[in-house]
Protein backbone atom coordinates (compact mmCIF):
# COMPACT_ATOMS: atom_id res chain seq x y z
CA MET A 1 116.18 37.30 107.00
CA ALA A 2 116.69 33.68 107.99
CA LYS A 3 113.17 33.61 109.29
CA THR A 4 111.85 34.88 105.98
CA LEU A 5 113.70 32.12 104.06
CA LYS A 6 112.26 29.45 106.34
CA LEU A 7 108.73 30.73 105.76
CA ALA A 8 109.27 30.66 101.99
CA LYS A 9 110.47 27.04 102.12
CA LEU A 10 107.46 26.03 104.20
CA ALA A 11 105.08 27.68 101.73
CA LYS A 12 106.77 25.93 98.79
CA GLY A 13 106.53 22.58 100.56
CA ALA A 14 102.88 23.16 101.34
CA LYS A 15 102.11 23.87 97.67
CA ARG A 16 103.91 20.67 96.65
CA MET A 17 101.90 18.69 99.22
CA ILE A 18 98.65 20.16 97.93
CA ARG A 19 99.60 19.21 94.34
CA ASP A 20 100.44 15.68 95.45
CA GLN A 21 97.12 15.34 97.28
CA ARG A 22 95.21 16.48 94.17
CA GLY A 23 96.93 13.75 92.15
CA ASN A 24 96.03 11.16 94.72
CA VAL A 25 92.38 12.20 94.63
CA THR A 26 92.32 11.97 90.83
CA MET A 27 93.91 8.52 90.96
CA MET A 28 91.52 7.40 93.65
CA PHE A 29 88.56 8.73 91.66
CA ALA A 30 89.73 6.94 88.51
CA ILE A 31 90.08 3.67 90.42
CA ALA A 32 86.67 4.11 91.99
CA SER A 33 85.10 4.86 88.58
CA ILE A 34 86.00 1.46 87.06
CA PRO A 35 83.23 -0.45 88.84
CA LEU A 36 80.80 2.31 87.93
CA LEU A 37 81.76 2.12 84.25
CA VAL A 38 81.54 -1.66 84.25
CA ALA A 39 78.14 -1.49 85.95
CA GLY A 40 76.90 1.05 83.41
CA GLY A 41 78.28 -0.99 80.53
CA ALA A 42 76.73 -4.14 81.96
CA ALA A 43 73.37 -2.37 82.06
CA LEU A 44 73.77 -1.45 78.39
CA ASP A 45 74.74 -5.02 77.48
CA PHE A 46 71.77 -6.30 79.49
CA ASP A 47 69.48 -4.01 77.54
CA ARG A 48 70.89 -5.44 74.30
CA VAL A 49 70.26 -8.97 75.59
CA VAL A 50 66.63 -8.09 76.36
CA ASN A 51 66.16 -6.62 72.87
CA ALA A 52 67.76 -9.70 71.30
CA LYS A 53 65.40 -11.98 73.21
CA THR A 54 62.37 -9.95 72.16
CA ALA A 55 63.41 -10.07 68.51
CA LEU A 56 64.21 -13.77 68.76
CA GLN A 57 60.81 -14.56 70.28
CA ALA A 58 58.93 -12.78 67.49
CA SER A 59 61.02 -14.47 64.82
CA LEU A 60 60.63 -17.85 66.49
CA ASP A 61 56.84 -17.46 66.64
CA SER A 62 56.82 -16.89 62.87
CA ALA A 63 58.98 -19.94 62.24
CA VAL A 64 56.97 -22.31 64.41
CA LEU A 65 53.70 -21.19 62.82
CA TYR A 66 55.13 -21.96 59.40
CA ALA A 67 56.28 -25.37 60.60
CA ALA A 68 52.83 -26.01 62.04
CA VAL A 69 51.17 -25.86 58.61
CA SER A 70 53.53 -28.40 57.10
CA ASN A 71 52.30 -31.90 56.28
CA SER A 72 55.52 -33.41 57.58
CA THR A 73 55.76 -34.92 61.03
CA ASN A 74 59.54 -35.39 60.78
CA MET A 75 61.20 -32.96 63.18
CA THR A 76 64.39 -32.68 61.12
CA THR A 77 62.37 -31.85 58.01
CA LEU A 78 60.32 -29.27 59.91
CA THR A 79 63.50 -27.68 61.28
CA THR A 80 65.04 -27.35 57.82
CA ALA A 81 61.85 -26.08 56.19
CA SER A 82 61.09 -23.42 58.80
CA ARG A 83 64.64 -22.17 59.49
CA PRO A 84 64.50 -19.53 56.71
CA PHE A 85 61.55 -17.85 58.46
CA LEU A 86 63.66 -17.45 61.58
CA ASP A 87 66.69 -16.15 59.69
CA VAL A 88 64.77 -13.66 57.53
CA ASN A 89 62.81 -12.20 60.43
CA TYR A 90 65.85 -12.04 62.73
CA LYS A 91 68.14 -10.42 60.15
CA GLY A 92 69.54 -7.01 61.13
CA THR A 93 70.21 -7.72 64.79
CA ASP A 94 73.77 -7.80 66.20
CA ALA A 95 73.37 -11.35 67.51
CA THR A 96 74.00 -14.58 65.62
CA VAL A 97 71.67 -17.58 65.62
CA THR A 98 73.80 -20.50 66.82
CA SER A 99 71.14 -23.22 67.12
CA TYR A 100 67.58 -23.92 66.01
CA THR A 101 65.48 -27.06 66.37
CA ILE A 102 61.88 -28.25 66.09
CA SER A 103 60.77 -30.94 68.52
CA ALA A 104 57.58 -32.39 69.97
CA GLY A 105 55.77 -29.91 72.19
CA ALA A 106 54.67 -30.31 75.77
CA THR A 107 50.98 -30.52 74.86
CA PRO A 108 49.42 -33.19 72.61
CA ASN A 109 49.74 -32.57 68.85
CA SER A 110 52.00 -29.56 69.33
CA ILE A 111 55.48 -28.76 68.10
CA LYS A 112 58.14 -26.70 69.83
CA ALA A 113 60.73 -24.43 68.24
CA THR A 114 63.85 -23.61 70.26
CA ALA A 115 66.59 -21.20 69.22
CA THR A 116 69.76 -19.78 70.74
CA VAL A 117 71.59 -16.62 69.70
CA THR A 118 75.05 -15.46 70.75
CA LEU A 119 75.60 -11.76 71.46
CA ASN A 120 79.09 -10.20 71.60
CA THR A 121 79.24 -7.97 74.69
CA TRP A 122 80.59 -4.45 74.53
CA PHE A 123 81.50 -3.75 78.16
CA MET A 124 81.23 -7.06 79.99
CA ASN A 125 84.21 -8.22 77.96
CA ILE A 126 86.31 -6.02 80.25
CA VAL A 127 85.64 -8.36 83.15
CA GLY A 128 86.09 -11.53 81.09
CA ILE A 129 82.55 -12.09 79.73
CA PRO A 130 82.96 -11.70 75.95
CA THR A 131 79.57 -13.17 74.93
CA GLU A 132 76.04 -13.71 76.19
CA GLN A 133 73.73 -16.48 75.00
CA VAL A 134 69.97 -16.03 74.71
CA THR A 135 67.67 -19.04 74.37
CA THR A 136 63.91 -19.02 73.94
CA SER A 137 61.16 -21.31 72.65
CA SER A 138 57.69 -21.22 71.12
CA GLU A 139 55.01 -23.86 70.68
CA ALA A 140 52.12 -24.18 68.22
CA LEU A 141 49.50 -26.80 67.52
CA HIS A 142 50.06 -28.70 64.26
CA VAL A 143 47.69 -28.06 61.35
CA GLY A 144 44.99 -30.73 60.98
CA THR A 145 45.33 -31.45 64.67
CA GLY A 146 46.26 -27.90 65.50
CA ARG A 147 43.11 -26.00 64.58
CA ASN A 148 40.40 -25.90 67.18
CA ILE A 149 37.60 -26.78 64.74
CA ASN A 150 36.83 -29.36 62.05
CA LEU A 151 36.99 -28.06 58.50
CA GLU A 152 35.02 -28.85 55.34
CA VAL A 153 36.04 -26.93 52.21
CA SER A 154 34.63 -27.01 48.69
CA LEU A 155 36.88 -25.65 45.93
CA VAL A 156 34.66 -24.51 43.05
CA LEU A 157 37.07 -23.92 40.17
CA ASP A 158 36.45 -22.37 36.76
CA ASN A 159 37.61 -24.77 34.02
CA THR A 160 36.14 -22.92 31.06
CA ASN A 161 37.79 -21.95 27.79
CA SER A 162 38.58 -18.41 28.96
CA MET A 163 41.04 -19.97 31.43
CA ASN A 164 43.21 -20.92 28.44
CA THR A 165 44.02 -17.31 27.55
CA PRO A 166 46.67 -15.46 29.60
CA GLY A 167 45.80 -11.91 30.52
CA SER A 168 48.06 -9.10 31.65
CA GLY A 169 50.51 -10.32 34.28
CA PHE A 170 50.12 -14.01 33.39
CA ILE A 171 53.08 -15.91 31.98
CA THR A 172 51.36 -19.26 31.50
CA LYS A 173 47.76 -20.26 30.89
CA PRO A 174 45.58 -19.22 33.83
CA ILE A 175 44.36 -22.81 34.25
CA ASN A 176 47.94 -23.85 35.04
CA ASP A 177 48.33 -21.02 37.53
CA LEU A 178 45.06 -22.06 39.14
CA LYS A 179 46.17 -25.67 39.48
CA THR A 180 49.43 -24.65 41.15
CA ALA A 181 47.70 -22.27 43.58
CA ALA A 182 44.94 -24.74 44.45
CA GLN A 183 47.39 -27.58 45.06
CA ASN A 184 49.50 -25.37 47.31
CA PHE A 185 46.32 -24.56 49.22
CA VAL A 186 45.52 -28.24 49.69
CA THR A 187 49.07 -29.04 50.83
CA THR A 188 48.92 -26.29 53.45
CA VAL A 189 45.41 -26.91 54.78
CA MET A 190 45.39 -30.71 54.73
CA GLY A 191 47.24 -31.84 57.85
CA SER A 192 49.01 -35.15 58.22
CA SER A 193 46.59 -36.25 60.93
CA GLN A 194 42.81 -36.29 61.08
CA THR A 195 42.58 -36.36 64.87
CA PRO A 196 41.30 -34.79 66.99
CA TYR A 197 40.05 -32.42 64.25
CA TYR A 198 39.50 -33.45 60.64
CA THR A 199 40.00 -31.64 57.35
CA LYS A 200 37.94 -32.55 54.29
CA ILE A 201 38.20 -30.91 50.86
CA ALA A 202 35.90 -31.30 47.84
CA VAL A 203 36.87 -30.21 44.32
CA VAL A 204 34.18 -29.02 41.90
CA PRO A 205 35.63 -28.19 38.47
CA TYR A 206 32.95 -26.74 36.19
CA ASN A 207 32.49 -25.46 32.66
CA ASN A 208 29.17 -26.06 30.86
CA GLY A 209 28.18 -28.37 33.71
CA VAL A 210 29.59 -30.50 36.49
CA ASN A 211 30.84 -33.99 35.64
CA MET A 212 29.73 -36.75 38.00
CA GLY A 213 32.37 -39.12 36.66
CA THR A 214 30.28 -42.27 36.32
CA THR A 215 26.78 -43.01 35.07
CA ALA A 216 25.88 -44.43 38.48
CA MET A 217 26.96 -41.25 40.23
CA ALA A 218 25.15 -39.15 37.64
CA ALA A 219 22.01 -41.22 38.11
CA SER A 220 22.13 -40.67 41.89
CA ALA A 221 22.05 -36.91 41.25
CA ARG A 222 19.76 -36.52 38.23
CA GLY A 223 17.89 -39.83 38.19
CA GLY A 224 17.93 -42.42 35.45
CA PHE A 225 16.77 -42.25 31.84
CA VAL A 226 14.72 -44.28 29.40
CA ALA A 227 16.48 -46.00 26.50
CA GLY A 228 15.93 -44.71 22.98
CA THR A 229 15.08 -41.31 21.50
CA SER A 230 12.25 -39.03 22.49
CA THR A 231 11.08 -35.47 21.91
CA LEU A 232 10.68 -35.22 25.67
CA PRO A 233 13.72 -34.98 28.00
CA GLY A 234 14.25 -38.04 30.16
CA SER A 235 15.27 -40.48 27.46
CA GLN A 236 18.75 -41.53 26.50
CA SER A 237 18.60 -39.31 23.41
CA TYR A 238 16.58 -36.10 23.15
CA LYS A 239 15.31 -34.66 19.86
CA PHE A 240 14.56 -30.92 20.02
CA ASN A 241 14.02 -27.83 17.94
CA ASN A 242 17.28 -25.91 17.76
CA ALA A 243 18.01 -22.21 17.42
CA SER A 244 18.70 -22.51 13.65
CA GLY A 245 15.13 -23.61 12.95
CA SER A 246 15.84 -27.29 12.43
CA THR A 247 16.07 -30.27 14.78
CA SER A 248 18.99 -31.81 16.65
CA THR A 249 19.30 -35.03 18.61
CA PHE A 250 21.63 -35.04 21.59
CA THR A 251 22.64 -37.86 23.94
CA ILE A 252 22.52 -37.68 27.73
CA SER A 253 25.92 -37.26 29.43
CA ASN A 254 27.38 -37.84 32.87
CA CYS A 255 27.42 -34.08 33.45
CA VAL A 256 24.57 -32.42 35.31
CA THR A 257 22.91 -29.01 35.06
CA GLU A 258 20.76 -26.79 37.24
CA ARG A 259 17.78 -28.06 39.22
CA THR A 260 14.41 -26.60 38.31
CA GLY A 261 11.14 -26.16 40.14
CA ALA A 262 10.46 -25.37 43.79
CA GLN A 263 13.84 -26.76 44.94
CA ALA A 264 15.91 -24.85 42.37
CA TYR A 265 17.74 -22.87 45.05
CA THR A 266 17.75 -25.29 47.95
CA ASP A 267 19.95 -28.21 48.98
CA ALA A 268 17.02 -30.60 49.22
CA SER A 269 17.69 -34.30 48.69
CA ALA A 270 18.48 -35.23 45.09
CA THR A 271 16.47 -38.41 45.54
CA VAL A 272 13.38 -36.26 46.10
CA SER A 273 14.21 -33.51 43.63
CA PRO A 274 16.87 -34.51 41.06
CA VAL A 275 19.15 -31.93 39.45
CA GLY A 276 19.05 -31.29 35.70
CA ARG A 277 20.20 -33.62 32.94
CA GLN A 278 22.67 -32.53 30.29
CA TYR A 279 22.24 -33.37 26.62
CA VAL A 280 25.27 -32.67 24.42
CA GLY A 281 26.20 -32.81 20.76
CA THR A 282 29.67 -32.88 19.23
CA GLN A 283 30.71 -29.36 20.20
CA ASN A 284 29.97 -28.36 23.82
CA ILE A 285 30.49 -31.83 25.28
CA CYS A 286 30.77 -33.08 28.87
CA GLY A 287 34.53 -32.59 28.93
CA VAL A 288 35.30 -31.21 32.39
CA GLN A 289 37.28 -33.11 35.02
CA ALA A 290 35.01 -35.17 37.28
CA MET A 291 34.15 -33.59 40.62
CA LEU A 292 35.44 -35.04 43.88
CA PRO A 293 33.23 -35.06 46.99
CA LEU A 294 34.69 -34.33 50.41
CA SER A 295 37.91 -36.26 50.90
CA THR A 296 40.62 -36.55 53.53
CA ASP A 297 43.17 -37.82 50.98
CA ALA A 298 45.45 -34.98 49.87
CA THR A 299 46.97 -37.14 47.12
CA THR A 300 43.56 -37.81 45.54
CA ILE A 301 42.51 -34.18 45.91
CA ASN A 302 45.66 -32.87 44.23
CA ALA A 303 45.39 -35.50 41.48
CA THR A 304 41.89 -34.23 40.69
CA ILE A 305 43.19 -30.68 40.48
CA SER A 306 46.18 -31.74 38.36
CA ALA A 307 43.88 -33.42 35.82
CA MET A 308 41.84 -30.26 35.21
CA ALA A 309 41.81 -28.78 31.69
CA ALA A 310 40.12 -25.61 30.45
CA ASN A 311 37.52 -25.95 27.70
CA TYR A 312 34.00 -25.16 26.53
CA SER A 313 31.43 -22.67 27.81
CA THR A 314 30.43 -21.53 31.29
CA ALA A 315 27.48 -22.59 33.43
CA GLY A 316 28.80 -21.06 36.63
CA GLN A 317 25.46 -21.40 38.38
CA VAL A 318 25.86 -25.18 38.20
CA GLY A 319 29.34 -25.05 39.72
CA ILE A 320 28.09 -22.82 42.55
CA ALA A 321 25.20 -25.20 43.28
CA TRP A 322 27.54 -28.18 43.51
CA GLY A 323 29.89 -26.31 45.79
CA TRP A 324 26.95 -26.19 48.19
CA TYR A 325 25.79 -29.75 47.57
CA THR A 326 29.21 -31.16 48.53
CA LEU A 327 28.92 -29.41 51.91
CA SER A 328 25.24 -30.10 52.51
CA PRO A 329 24.06 -32.83 54.89
CA ASN A 330 20.68 -32.69 53.12
CA PHE A 331 21.63 -33.43 49.51
CA GLY A 332 22.06 -37.09 50.32
CA ILE A 333 24.05 -38.77 47.52
CA PHE A 334 27.45 -39.10 49.16
CA THR A 335 28.73 -41.95 51.32
CA GLY A 336 31.50 -42.75 53.79
CA THR A 337 33.90 -39.94 54.70
CA SER A 338 32.35 -37.82 51.92
CA VAL A 339 29.18 -37.31 53.94
CA PRO A 340 29.15 -33.71 55.21
CA ALA A 341 28.52 -32.90 58.85
CA GLY A 342 25.08 -31.67 59.89
CA TYR A 343 24.33 -27.96 60.00
CA ASP A 344 23.89 -28.29 63.76
CA LYS A 345 27.66 -28.78 63.99
CA LEU A 346 28.14 -25.19 62.82
CA ILE A 347 26.74 -23.90 66.10
CA THR A 348 27.44 -26.69 68.58
CA THR A 349 29.28 -25.83 71.78
CA ASP A 350 31.11 -29.16 71.69
CA PRO A 351 34.65 -28.22 70.56
CA LEU A 352 35.45 -31.68 69.19
CA THR A 353 32.46 -31.85 66.81
CA LYS A 354 32.17 -28.19 65.82
CA VAL A 355 32.59 -27.64 62.06
CA LYS A 356 33.40 -24.74 59.76
CA LYS A 357 31.99 -25.12 56.21
CA VAL A 358 33.67 -23.00 53.53
CA MET A 359 33.09 -22.65 49.80
CA ILE A 360 35.81 -21.00 47.68
CA LEU A 361 34.59 -19.88 44.24
CA MET A 362 37.36 -19.06 41.75
CA THR A 363 36.12 -17.57 38.49
CA ASP A 364 36.46 -14.79 35.92
CA GLY A 365 32.69 -14.30 36.12
CA GLU A 366 32.15 -14.81 32.39
CA TYR A 367 28.99 -16.92 32.64
CA ASN A 368 27.12 -17.67 29.43
CA SER A 369 25.29 -21.03 29.54
CA ALA A 370 21.82 -21.53 30.99
CA TYR A 371 19.76 -24.62 30.24
CA GLY A 372 16.30 -25.43 28.96
CA ASN A 373 15.26 -29.09 29.08
CA GLY A 374 18.91 -30.06 29.60
CA VAL A 375 20.24 -28.28 26.50
CA ILE A 376 22.02 -24.92 26.45
CA SER A 377 19.44 -22.27 25.71
CA GLY A 378 19.63 -20.23 22.51
CA ASN A 379 16.60 -18.07 23.24
CA PRO A 380 18.02 -15.51 23.37
CA VAL A 381 21.38 -16.49 21.92
CA VAL A 382 24.24 -15.65 24.29
CA SER A 383 27.89 -15.21 23.44
CA GLY A 384 30.32 -17.91 24.44
CA SER A 385 32.79 -20.45 23.15
CA TYR A 386 31.82 -23.58 21.24
CA TYR A 387 28.34 -22.35 20.36
CA THR A 388 26.60 -23.05 17.10
CA THR A 389 22.88 -22.53 16.65
CA ASN A 390 22.44 -26.25 16.07
CA ASP A 391 23.74 -26.85 19.61
CA LEU A 392 21.22 -24.51 21.25
CA ILE A 393 17.62 -25.29 22.06
CA ASN A 394 15.03 -22.80 20.85
CA LYS A 395 13.73 -22.32 24.37
CA ALA A 396 14.26 -19.82 27.16
CA PRO A 397 16.26 -21.05 30.17
CA ASP A 398 14.14 -22.88 32.71
CA ASN A 399 15.45 -20.79 35.63
CA GLY A 400 16.26 -17.54 33.85
CA ASP A 401 19.66 -16.08 33.00
CA VAL A 402 22.93 -17.27 34.51
CA TYR A 403 23.49 -14.27 36.78
CA THR A 404 19.98 -14.36 38.24
CA GLN A 405 20.46 -18.05 39.00
CA SER A 406 23.96 -17.64 40.42
CA ASN A 407 23.03 -14.79 42.76
CA ALA A 408 19.95 -16.64 44.02
CA MET A 409 22.02 -19.74 44.73
CA CYS A 410 24.70 -17.76 46.57
CA THR A 411 22.09 -16.09 48.75
CA ALA A 412 20.73 -19.50 49.77
CA ILE A 413 24.21 -20.90 50.43
CA LYS A 414 25.13 -18.07 52.77
CA ALA A 415 21.80 -18.39 54.58
CA SER A 416 22.62 -22.04 55.33
CA GLY A 417 25.68 -21.01 57.35
CA VAL A 418 28.33 -21.83 54.75
CA GLU A 419 31.11 -19.24 54.59
CA VAL A 420 31.76 -18.13 50.99
CA TYR A 421 34.96 -16.68 49.54
CA THR A 422 35.12 -15.48 45.96
CA ILE A 423 38.37 -15.10 44.04
CA ALA A 424 38.08 -12.98 40.90
CA PHE A 425 40.72 -14.09 38.42
CA GLN A 426 41.23 -12.13 35.18
CA LEU A 427 37.97 -10.31 35.92
CA ASP A 428 36.89 -7.82 33.26
CA ALA A 429 35.48 -5.13 35.54
CA THR A 430 33.74 -3.39 32.62
CA TYR A 431 30.97 -5.99 32.95
CA PRO A 432 28.87 -4.92 35.97
CA LEU A 433 27.05 -8.27 36.24
CA ARG A 434 30.34 -10.10 36.72
CA VAL A 435 31.56 -7.70 39.37
CA ALA A 436 28.22 -7.74 41.19
CA LEU A 437 28.12 -11.55 41.17
CA LEU A 438 31.52 -11.93 42.84
CA ASN A 439 30.66 -9.31 45.45
CA ASN A 440 27.18 -10.68 46.13
CA CYS A 441 28.32 -14.29 46.44
CA ALA A 442 30.97 -13.51 49.04
CA THR A 443 30.01 -13.61 52.71
CA ASP A 444 31.10 -9.97 53.01
CA ALA A 445 33.49 -7.50 51.38
CA ALA A 446 36.47 -9.05 53.16
CA HIS A 447 35.62 -12.39 51.51
CA ALA A 448 35.60 -10.94 47.97
CA LEU A 449 39.19 -11.26 46.74
CA VAL A 450 40.78 -10.20 43.45
CA ALA A 451 43.89 -11.64 41.77
CA THR A 452 45.36 -9.59 38.96
CA ASP A 453 48.29 -11.89 38.20
CA GLN A 454 49.52 -15.39 38.88
CA SER A 455 51.57 -14.37 41.92
CA GLN A 456 48.55 -12.76 43.56
CA LEU A 457 46.43 -15.83 42.88
CA ASN A 458 48.88 -18.06 44.72
CA THR A 459 49.23 -15.51 47.53
CA ILE A 460 45.45 -15.36 47.99
CA PHE A 461 45.12 -19.13 48.16
CA GLN A 462 47.99 -19.32 50.66
CA SER A 463 46.47 -16.55 52.76
CA LEU A 464 43.16 -18.42 52.83
CA ALA A 465 44.98 -21.60 53.78
CA GLN A 466 46.66 -19.86 56.71
CA ASN A 467 43.39 -18.28 57.85
CA LEU A 468 41.46 -21.53 57.66
CA SER A 469 44.16 -23.36 59.57
CA THR A 470 43.36 -21.10 62.56
CA LEU A 471 46.80 -21.64 63.97
CA ARG A 472 47.46 -20.50 67.49
CA LEU A 473 50.50 -20.43 69.72
CA THR A 474 50.27 -22.47 72.88
CA ASN A 475 52.65 -20.37 74.93
């Protein structure tokens, strides 16, 4: 009996020992698991850091590219102006941007954006590391000095009476929307420096002709005139048979019209083959803002755009021609920095002298004024603003209708190597000739753009500005 009791006590003690050993194993396992949990948590936090850095890099690239198209060279100004692009693109992450600066880059004419974000850790906090900081940087070449090619742009802008009438989606007059969009374009494209690559912009406002600004400038394009009145064009005043069956006498203006003859659709020298004269009465006068040849002065360019006003009828073929002439090394009437580069610079392998020539034609395509002997033709009579039969010559247009002329000129421009964008603004697509013109003039379908409201017009000009800036990251 005593032996049986002893065996029972031993069994009970053994069970208690086993239970105690199980508890020790559990405790030991729990202690051993802490490093494993911390290591796993650290891996998760590390993954979050990597994702934060990736997101920060993409957002920083966007911000530095925006800063690179700014005219400012002040680093504080660039930092303030571009910071919203970082914040907007980085929104939604679980890290906070704690610093952001723009500074001079490591390479000439470059700028560098640097940003730091702070990430609250989830697991590393257990071992006393509550936050992780992530810093990255991005560099871009500055516009004007940042593109890898010289740039010559001609803005050919519709200033005709139809630009006074808002269409669907337009709050103000379209001419005002055009001025805002074009000036924004100039501000973006025109860099603060002209070295090592230059940017030149010409402005060609047009309505019933293109205004040369001064008699001397007009004479260099169309030649001089003889004093007095004559029944033959070439005198100061021209007496002609008008479309009402009577006669009218008009005076020569400082506006010019289309060139006739063998050089009608070439960029041959104006001294060899002058462009057309313009004779005007009291209605369809030379009232468009004077054109500006290639310029490196953004203030002058924007002042020319600001002075534009919409009026009178539309000789779009003349505007198109002058868009080409301002970019042509052959036309030969411009001086100084307004002289365009040679066509050989379009294909040179020398990176410092290589040039891109671009014409941007903004229009509603409503062309209605072709000329005969320097007077708007009334044979046949075409619809358009400010027409009376007394203002129209009883003669067919020298070069045919406006769309035939415009398409022929665009074909020649593209063949010269000039890149052509068209921007259709308030285009009435029920007129096939207008639609065909804007498509045919463009270099290709991707260069034929359509703005249906004022916001789209500005967006298109800004998109072109960004594309032409050919910005590239340096790291």
